[in-house]
PDB file of all heavy atoms in Angstrom:
ATOM      1  N   GLY A   1      -5.130  -0.180   6.770  1.00  0.00           N
ATOM      2  CA  GLY A   1      -3.879  -0.262   6.055  1.00  0.00           C
ATOM      3  C   GLY A   1      -3.902   0.299   4.641  1.00  0.00           C
ATOM      4  O   GLY A   1      -2.855   0.437   3.994  1.00  0.00           O
ATOM      5  N   VAL A   2      -5.097   0.646   4.156  1.00  0.00           N
ATOM      6  CA  VAL A   2      -5.232   1.108   2.779  1.00  0.00           C
ATOM      7  C   VAL A   2      -4.558   2.468   2.544  1.00  0.00           C
ATOM      8  O   VAL A   2      -3.884   2.694   1.552  1.00  0.00           O
ATOM      9  CB  VAL A   2      -6.722   1.161   2.373  1.00  0.00           C
ATOM     10  CG1 VAL A   2      -6.916   1.922   1.066  1.00  0.00           C
ATOM     11  CG2 VAL A   2      -7.286  -0.252   2.264  1.00  0.00           C
ATOM     12  N   LEU A   3      -4.738   3.395   3.493  1.00  0.00           N
ATOM     13  CA  LEU A   3      -4.244   4.749   3.288  1.00  0.00           C
ATOM     14  C   LEU A   3      -2.705   4.786   3.215  1.00  0.00           C
ATOM     15  O   LEU A   3      -2.119   5.419   2.339  1.00  0.00           O
ATOM     16  CB  LEU A   3      -4.738   5.670   4.366  1.00  0.00           C
ATOM     17  CG  LEU A   3      -6.279   5.863   4.467  1.00  0.00           C
ATOM     18  CD1 LEU A   3      -6.618   6.887   5.560  1.00  0.00           C
ATOM     19  CD2 LEU A   3      -6.862   6.295   3.112  1.00  0.00           C
ATOM     20  N   GLY A   4      -2.070   4.106   4.131  1.00  0.00           N
ATOM     21  CA  GLY A   4      -0.590   4.085   4.128  1.00  0.00           C
ATOM     22  C   GLY A   4      -0.060   3.345   2.918  1.00  0.00           C
ATOM     23  O   GLY A   4       0.949   3.746   2.344  1.00  0.00           O
ATOM     24  N   THR A   5      -0.718   2.283   2.501  1.00  0.00           N
ATOM     25  CA  THR A   5      -0.299   1.514   1.328  1.00  0.00           C
ATOM     26  C   THR A   5      -0.445   2.405   0.044  1.00  0.00           C
ATOM     27  O   THR A   5       0.437   2.390  -0.808  1.00  0.00           O
ATOM     28  CB  THR A   5      -1.096   0.226   1.205  1.00  0.00           C
ATOM     29  OG1 THR A   5      -0.938  -0.543   2.391  1.00  0.00           O
ATOM     30  CG2 THR A   5      -0.652  -0.595  -0.005  1.00  0.00           C
ATOM     31  N   ASN A   6      -1.543   3.124  -0.007  1.00  0.00           N
ATOM     32  CA  ASN A   6      -1.724   4.028  -1.149  1.00  0.00           C
ATOM     33  C   ASN A   6      -0.682   5.107  -1.181  1.00  0.00           C
ATOM     34  O   ASN A   6      -0.241   5.535  -2.269  1.00  0.00           O
ATOM     35  CB  ASN A   6      -3.132   4.649  -1.113  1.00  0.00           C
ATOM     36  CG  ASN A   6      -3.404   5.463  -2.352  1.00  0.00           C
ATOM     37  OD1 ASN A   6      -3.397   4.958  -3.480  1.00  0.00           O
ATOM     38  ND2 ASN A   6      -3.679   6.756  -2.170  1.00  0.00           N
ATOM     39  N   PHE A   7      -0.267   5.586  -0.018  1.00  0.00           N
ATOM     40  CA  PHE A   7       0.763   6.648   0.034  1.00  0.00           C
ATOM     41  C   PHE A   7       2.058   6.126  -0.643  1.00  0.00           C
ATOM     42  O   PHE A   7       2.696   6.865  -1.387  1.00  0.00           O
ATOM     43  CB  PHE A   7       1.054   6.962   1.513  1.00  0.00           C
ATOM     44  CG  PHE A   7       2.161   7.961   1.694  1.00  0.00           C
ATOM     45  CD1 PHE A   7       1.928   9.321   1.581  1.00  0.00           C
ATOM     46  CD2 PHE A   7       3.444   7.554   2.001  1.00  0.00           C
ATOM     47  CE1 PHE A   7       2.942  10.265   1.736  1.00  0.00           C
ATOM     48  CE2 PHE A   7       4.497   8.468   2.189  1.00  0.00           C
ATOM     49  CZ  PHE A   7       4.238   9.830   2.063  1.00  0.00           C
ATOM     50  N   VAL A   8       2.402   4.888  -0.424  1.00  0.00           N
ATOM     51  CA  VAL A   8       3.592   4.302  -1.046  1.00  0.00           C
ATOM     52  C   VAL A   8       3.352   4.095  -2.523  1.00  0.00           C
ATOM     53  O   VAL A   8       4.259   4.352  -3.355  1.00  0.00           O
ATOM     54  CB  VAL A   8       3.966   2.983  -0.340  1.00  0.00           C
ATOM     55  CG1 VAL A   8       5.108   2.304  -1.098  1.00  0.00           C
ATOM     56  CG2 VAL A   8       4.386   3.273   1.065  1.00  0.00           C
ATOM     57  N   ALA A   9       2.163   3.656  -2.914  1.00  0.00           N
ATOM     58  CA  ALA A   9       1.872   3.442  -4.334  1.00  0.00           C
ATOM     59  C   ALA A   9       2.039   4.745  -5.129  1.00  0.00           C
ATOM     60  O   ALA A   9       2.412   4.720  -6.299  1.00  0.00           O
ATOM     61  CB  ALA A   9       0.450   2.884  -4.497  1.00  0.00           C
ATOM     62  N   MET A  10       1.748   5.867  -4.481  1.00  0.00           N
ATOM     63  CA  MET A  10       1.800   7.180  -5.142  1.00  0.00           C
ATOM     64  C   MET A  10       3.183   7.850  -5.015  1.00  0.00           C
ATOM     65  O   MET A  10       3.424   8.900  -5.577  1.00  0.00           O
ATOM     66  CB  MET A  10       0.733   8.084  -4.565  1.00  0.00           C
ATOM     67  CG  MET A  10      -0.680   7.590  -4.686  1.00  0.00           C
ATOM     68  SD  MET A  10      -1.205   7.502  -6.454  1.00  0.00           S
ATOM     69  CE  MET A  10      -1.328   9.282  -6.797  1.00  0.00           C
ATOM     70  N   ALA A  11       4.085   7.265  -4.239  1.00  0.00           N
ATOM     71  CA  ALA A  11       5.377   7.875  -3.980  1.00  0.00           C
ATOM     72  C   ALA A  11       6.325   7.775  -5.187  1.00  0.00           C
ATOM     73  O   ALA A  11       6.097   6.975  -6.102  1.00  0.00           O
ATOM     74  CB  ALA A  11       6.018   7.223  -2.762  1.00  0.00           C
ATOM     75  N   LYS A  12       7.370   8.556  -5.158  1.00  0.00           N
ATOM     76  CA  LYS A  12       8.369   8.514  -6.204  1.00  0.00           C
ATOM     77  C   LYS A  12       9.059   7.157  -6.209  1.00  0.00           C
ATOM     78  O   LYS A  12       9.479   6.661  -5.153  1.00  0.00           O
ATOM     79  CB  LYS A  12       9.399   9.618  -5.955  1.00  0.00           C
ATOM     80  CG  LYS A  12      10.436   9.763  -7.088  1.00  0.00           C
ATOM     81  CD  LYS A  12      11.399  10.923  -6.745  1.00  0.00           C
ATOM     82  CE  LYS A  12      12.451  11.050  -7.835  1.00  0.00           C
ATOM     83  NZ  LYS A  12      13.406  12.166  -7.537  1.00  0.00           N
ATOM     84  N   PRO A  13       9.176   6.521  -7.359  1.00  0.00           N
ATOM     85  CA  PRO A  13       9.729   5.152  -7.405  1.00  0.00           C
ATOM     86  C   PRO A  13      11.283   5.147  -7.386  1.00  0.00           C
ATOM     87  O   PRO A  13      11.938   4.715  -8.354  1.00  0.00           O
ATOM     88  CB  PRO A  13       9.205   4.596  -8.728  1.00  0.00           C
ATOM     89  CG  PRO A  13       9.071   5.791  -9.595  1.00  0.00           C
ATOM     90  CD  PRO A  13       8.686   6.948  -8.678  1.00  0.00           C
ATOM     91  N   ASP A  14      11.851   5.610  -6.290  1.00  0.00           N
ATOM     92  CA  ASP A  14      13.320   5.704  -6.188  1.00  0.00           C
ATOM     93  C   ASP A  14      13.883   4.842  -5.053  1.00  0.00           C
ATOM     94  O   ASP A  14      15.102   4.891  -4.808  1.00  0.00           O
ATOM     95  CB  ASP A  14      13.725   7.157  -5.994  1.00  0.00           C
ATOM     96  CG  ASP A  14      13.106   7.798  -4.750  1.00  0.00           C
ATOM     97  OD1 ASP A  14      12.422   7.087  -3.989  1.00  0.00           O
ATOM     98  OD2 ASP A  14      13.263   9.023  -4.554  1.00  0.00           O
ATOM     99  N   GLY A  15      13.014   4.063  -4.398  1.00  0.00           N
ATOM    100  CA  GLY A  15      13.489   3.168  -3.338  1.00  0.00           C
ATOM    101  C   GLY A  15      13.576   3.798  -1.976  1.00  0.00           C
ATOM    102  O   GLY A  15      13.856   3.111  -0.995  1.00  0.00           O
ATOM    103  N   TYR A  16      13.287   5.094  -1.900  1.00  0.00           N
ATOM    104  CA  TYR A  16      13.407   5.808  -0.612  1.00  0.00           C
ATOM    105  C   TYR A  16      12.112   5.868   0.165  1.00  0.00           C
ATOM    106  O   TYR A  16      12.087   6.329   1.284  1.00  0.00           O
ATOM    107  CB  TYR A  16      14.013   7.185  -0.809  1.00  0.00           C
ATOM    108  CG  TYR A  16      15.464   7.144  -1.182  1.00  0.00           C
ATOM    109  CD1 TYR A  16      15.868   7.319  -2.507  1.00  0.00           C
ATOM    110  CD2 TYR A  16      16.436   6.909  -0.209  1.00  0.00           C
ATOM    111  CE1 TYR A  16      17.240   7.244  -2.848  1.00  0.00           C
ATOM    112  CE2 TYR A  16      17.781   6.856  -0.536  1.00  0.00           C
ATOM    113  CZ  TYR A  16      18.188   7.008  -1.849  1.00  0.00           C
ATOM    114  OH  TYR A  16      19.509   6.935  -2.186  1.00  0.00           O
ATOM    115  N   THR A  17      11.008   5.411  -0.459  1.00  0.00           N
ATOM    116  CA  THR A  17       9.734   5.281   0.281  1.00  0.00           C
ATOM    117  C   THR A  17       9.193   3.876  -0.005  1.00  0.00           C
ATOM    118  O   THR A  17       8.821   3.582  -1.151  1.00  0.00           O
ATOM    119  CB  THR A  17       8.719   6.351  -0.182  1.00  0.00           C
ATOM    120  OG1 THR A  17       9.287   7.676   0.015  1.00  0.00           O
ATOM    121  CG2 THR A  17       7.438   6.247   0.619  1.00  0.00           C
ATOM    122  N   ILE A  18       9.184   3.049   1.017  1.00  0.00           N
ATOM    123  CA  ILE A  18       8.713   1.681   0.886  1.00  0.00           C
ATOM    124  C   ILE A  18       7.759   1.415   2.062  1.00  0.00           C
ATOM    125  O   ILE A  18       7.567   2.274   2.896  1.00  0.00           O
ATOM    126  CB  ILE A  18       9.886   0.667   0.877  1.00  0.00           C
ATOM    127  CG1 ILE A  18      10.696   0.786   2.167  1.00  0.00           C
ATOM    128  CG2 ILE A  18      10.747   0.910  -0.337  1.00  0.00           C
ATOM    129  CD1 ILE A  18      11.829  -0.218   2.259  1.00  0.00           C
ATOM    130  N   ALA A  19       7.164   0.236   2.064  1.00  0.00           N
ATOM    131  CA  ALA A  19       6.231  -0.095   3.159  1.00  0.00           C
ATOM    132  C   ALA A  19       6.354  -1.560   3.523  1.00  0.00           C
ATOM    133  O   ALA A  19       6.770  -2.388   2.725  1.00  0.00           O
ATOM    134  CB  ALA A  19       4.794   0.202   2.742  1.00  0.00           C
ATOM    135  N   VAL A  20       5.986  -1.846   4.757  1.00  0.00           N
ATOM    136  CA  VAL A  20       5.661  -3.206   5.169  1.00  0.00           C
ATOM    137  C   VAL A  20       4.150  -3.225   5.353  1.00  0.00           C
ATOM    138  O   VAL A  20       3.629  -2.700   6.354  1.00  0.00           O
ATOM    139  CB  VAL A  20       6.408  -3.635   6.432  1.00  0.00           C
ATOM    140  CG1 VAL A  20       5.867  -4.992   6.917  1.00  0.00           C
ATOM    141  CG2 VAL A  20       7.897  -3.719   6.204  1.00  0.00           C
ATOM    142  N   SER A  21       3.464  -3.745   4.364  1.00  0.00           N
ATOM    143  CA  SER A  21       1.988  -3.756   4.395  1.00  0.00           C
ATOM    144  C   SER A  21       1.464  -5.154   4.711  1.00  0.00           C
ATOM    145  O   SER A  21       2.242  -6.068   4.912  1.00  0.00           O
ATOM    146  CB  SER A  21       1.444  -3.213   3.070  1.00  0.00           C
ATOM    147  OG  SER A  21       0.054  -2.947   3.162  1.00  0.00           O
ATOM    148  N   SER A  22       0.156  -5.302   4.682  1.00  0.00           N
ATOM    149  CA  SER A  22      -0.451  -6.538   5.209  1.00  0.00           C
ATOM    150  C   SER A  22      -1.321  -7.236   4.156  1.00  0.00           C
ATOM    151  O   SER A  22      -1.638  -6.683   3.105  1.00  0.00           O
ATOM    152  CB  SER A  22      -1.332  -6.165   6.387  1.00  0.00           C
ATOM    153  OG  SER A  22      -2.458  -5.412   5.944  1.00  0.00           O
ATOM    154  N   ALA A  23      -1.693  -8.479   4.510  1.00  0.00           N
ATOM    155  CA  ALA A  23      -2.586  -9.226   3.645  1.00  0.00           C
ATOM    156  C   ALA A  23      -3.902  -8.465   3.424  1.00  0.00           C
ATOM    157  O   ALA A  23      -4.438  -8.464   2.302  1.00  0.00           O
ATOM    158  CB  ALA A  23      -2.888 -10.597   4.295  1.00  0.00           C
ATOM    159  N   GLY A  24      -4.378  -7.806   4.470  1.00  0.00           N
ATOM    160  CA  GLY A  24      -5.653  -7.039   4.337  1.00  0.00           C
ATOM    161  C   GLY A  24      -5.558  -5.984   3.261  1.00  0.00           C
ATOM    162  O   GLY A  24      -6.394  -5.910   2.382  1.00  0.00           O
ATOM    163  N   ALA A  25      -4.540  -5.135   3.349  1.00  0.00           N
ATOM    164  CA  ALA A  25      -4.411  -4.023   2.430  1.00  0.00           C
ATOM    165  C   ALA A  25      -4.043  -4.463   1.031  1.00  0.00           C
ATOM    166  O   ALA A  25      -4.446  -3.842   0.026  1.00  0.00           O
ATOM    167  CB  ALA A  25      -3.408  -3.000   2.955  1.00  0.00           C
ATOM    168  N   LEU A  26      -3.238  -5.518   0.929  1.00  0.00           N
ATOM    169  CA  LEU A  26      -2.689  -5.931  -0.394  1.00  0.00           C
ATOM    170  C   LEU A  26      -3.579  -6.951  -1.100  1.00  0.00           C
ATOM    171  O   LEU A  26      -3.630  -6.949  -2.332  1.00  0.00           O
ATOM    172  CB  LEU A  26      -1.297  -6.486  -0.229  1.00  0.00           C
ATOM    173  CG  LEU A  26      -0.242  -5.469   0.264  1.00  0.00           C
ATOM    174  CD1 LEU A  26       1.079  -6.197   0.531  1.00  0.00           C
ATOM    175  CD2 LEU A  26      -0.031  -4.365  -0.749  1.00  0.00           C
ATOM    176  N   ALA A  27      -4.265  -7.813  -0.365  1.00  0.00           N
ATOM    177  CA  ALA A  27      -4.993  -8.895  -1.012  1.00  0.00           C
ATOM    178  C   ALA A  27      -6.474  -8.935  -0.780  1.00  0.00           C
ATOM    179  O   ALA A  27      -7.236  -9.471  -1.580  1.00  0.00           O
ATOM    180  CB  ALA A  27      -4.412 -10.243  -0.565  1.00  0.00           C
ATOM    181  N   ILE A  28      -6.959  -8.305   0.325  1.00  0.00           N
ATOM    182  CA  ILE A  28      -8.374  -8.419   0.686  1.00  0.00           C
ATOM    183  C   ILE A  28      -9.147  -7.140   0.410  1.00  0.00           C
ATOM    184  O   ILE A  28     -10.190  -7.154  -0.247  1.00  0.00           O
ATOM    185  CB  ILE A  28      -8.523  -8.835   2.145  1.00  0.00           C
ATOM    186  CG1 ILE A  28      -7.958 -10.234   2.381  1.00  0.00           C
ATOM    187  CG2 ILE A  28      -9.991  -8.794   2.588  1.00  0.00           C
ATOM    188  CD1 ILE A  28      -7.934 -10.689   3.809  1.00  0.00           C
ATOM    189  N   SER A  29      -8.643  -5.999   0.900  1.00  0.00           N
ATOM    190  CA  SER A  29      -9.385  -4.734   0.748  1.00  0.00           C
ATOM    191  C   SER A  29      -9.770  -4.392  -0.672  1.00  0.00           C
ATOM    192  O   SER A  29     -10.874  -3.892  -0.921  1.00  0.00           O
ATOM    193  CB  SER A  29      -8.582  -3.602   1.363  1.00  0.00           C
ATOM    194  OG  SER A  29      -8.569  -3.691   2.781  1.00  0.00           O
ATOM    195  N   PRO A  30      -8.906  -4.672  -1.661  1.00  0.00           N
ATOM    196  CA  PRO A  30      -9.307  -4.350  -3.047  1.00  0.00           C
ATOM    197  C   PRO A  30     -10.562  -5.103  -3.490  1.00  0.00           C
ATOM    198  O   PRO A  30     -11.199  -4.655  -4.469  1.00  0.00           O
ATOM    199  CB  PRO A  30      -8.066  -4.792  -3.861  1.00  0.00           C
ATOM    200  CG  PRO A  30      -6.916  -4.588  -2.939  1.00  0.00           C
ATOM    201  CD  PRO A  30      -7.458  -5.021  -1.601  1.00  0.00           C
ATOM    202  N   HIS A  31     -10.894  -6.214  -2.832  1.00  0.00           N
ATOM    203  CA  HIS A  31     -12.151  -6.922  -3.176  1.00  0.00           C
ATOM    204  C   HIS A  31     -13.336  -6.369  -2.411  1.00  0.00           C
ATOM    205  O   HIS A  31     -14.486  -6.615  -2.789  1.00  0.00           O
ATOM    206  CB  HIS A  31     -12.012  -8.404  -2.840  1.00  0.00           C
ATOM    207  CG  HIS A  31     -10.999  -9.122  -3.617  1.00  0.00           C
ATOM    208  ND1 HIS A  31     -10.997  -9.231  -5.002  1.00  0.00           N
ATOM    209  CD2 HIS A  31      -9.874  -9.786  -3.232  1.00  0.00           C
ATOM    210  CE1 HIS A  31      -9.955  -9.926  -5.410  1.00  0.00           C
ATOM    211  NE2 HIS A  31      -9.256 -10.273  -4.357  1.00  0.00           N
ATOM    212  N   MET A  32     -13.057  -5.690  -1.301  1.00  0.00           N
ATOM    213  CA  MET A  32     -14.102  -5.287  -0.386  1.00  0.00           C
ATOM    214  C   MET A  32     -14.572  -3.850  -0.541  1.00  0.00           C
ATOM    215  O   MET A  32     -15.664  -3.444  -0.167  1.00  0.00           O
ATOM    216  CB  MET A  32     -13.652  -5.492   1.069  1.00  0.00           C
ATOM    217  CG  MET A  32     -13.377  -6.937   1.430  1.00  0.00           C
ATOM    218  SD  MET A  32     -14.799  -8.016   1.333  1.00  0.00           S
ATOM    219  CE  MET A  32     -15.901  -7.230   2.501  1.00  0.00           C
ATOM    220  N   GLU A  33     -13.671  -3.000  -1.047  1.00  0.00           N
ATOM    221  CA  GLU A  33     -13.975  -1.560  -1.144  1.00  0.00           C
ATOM    222  C   GLU A  33     -13.194  -0.951  -2.290  1.00  0.00           C
ATOM    223  O   GLU A  33     -12.281  -1.569  -2.825  1.00  0.00           O
ATOM    224  CB  GLU A  33     -13.575  -0.877   0.196  1.00  0.00           C
ATOM    225  CG  GLU A  33     -12.104  -1.049   0.554  1.00  0.00           C
ATOM    226  CD  GLU A  33     -11.788  -0.510   1.919  1.00  0.00           C
ATOM    227  OE1 GLU A  33     -11.947   0.719   2.117  1.00  0.00           O
ATOM    228  OE2 GLU A  33     -11.344  -1.281   2.780  1.00  0.00           O
TER     229      GLU A  33
END
């Protein structure tokens, strides 16, 4: 889930690119890698 979540983090902040991401990508992976 990291790659897709990062794609949204890097997108233009205009509301037209959003995500439904997960606990893993948002809360766990940043501690693991």
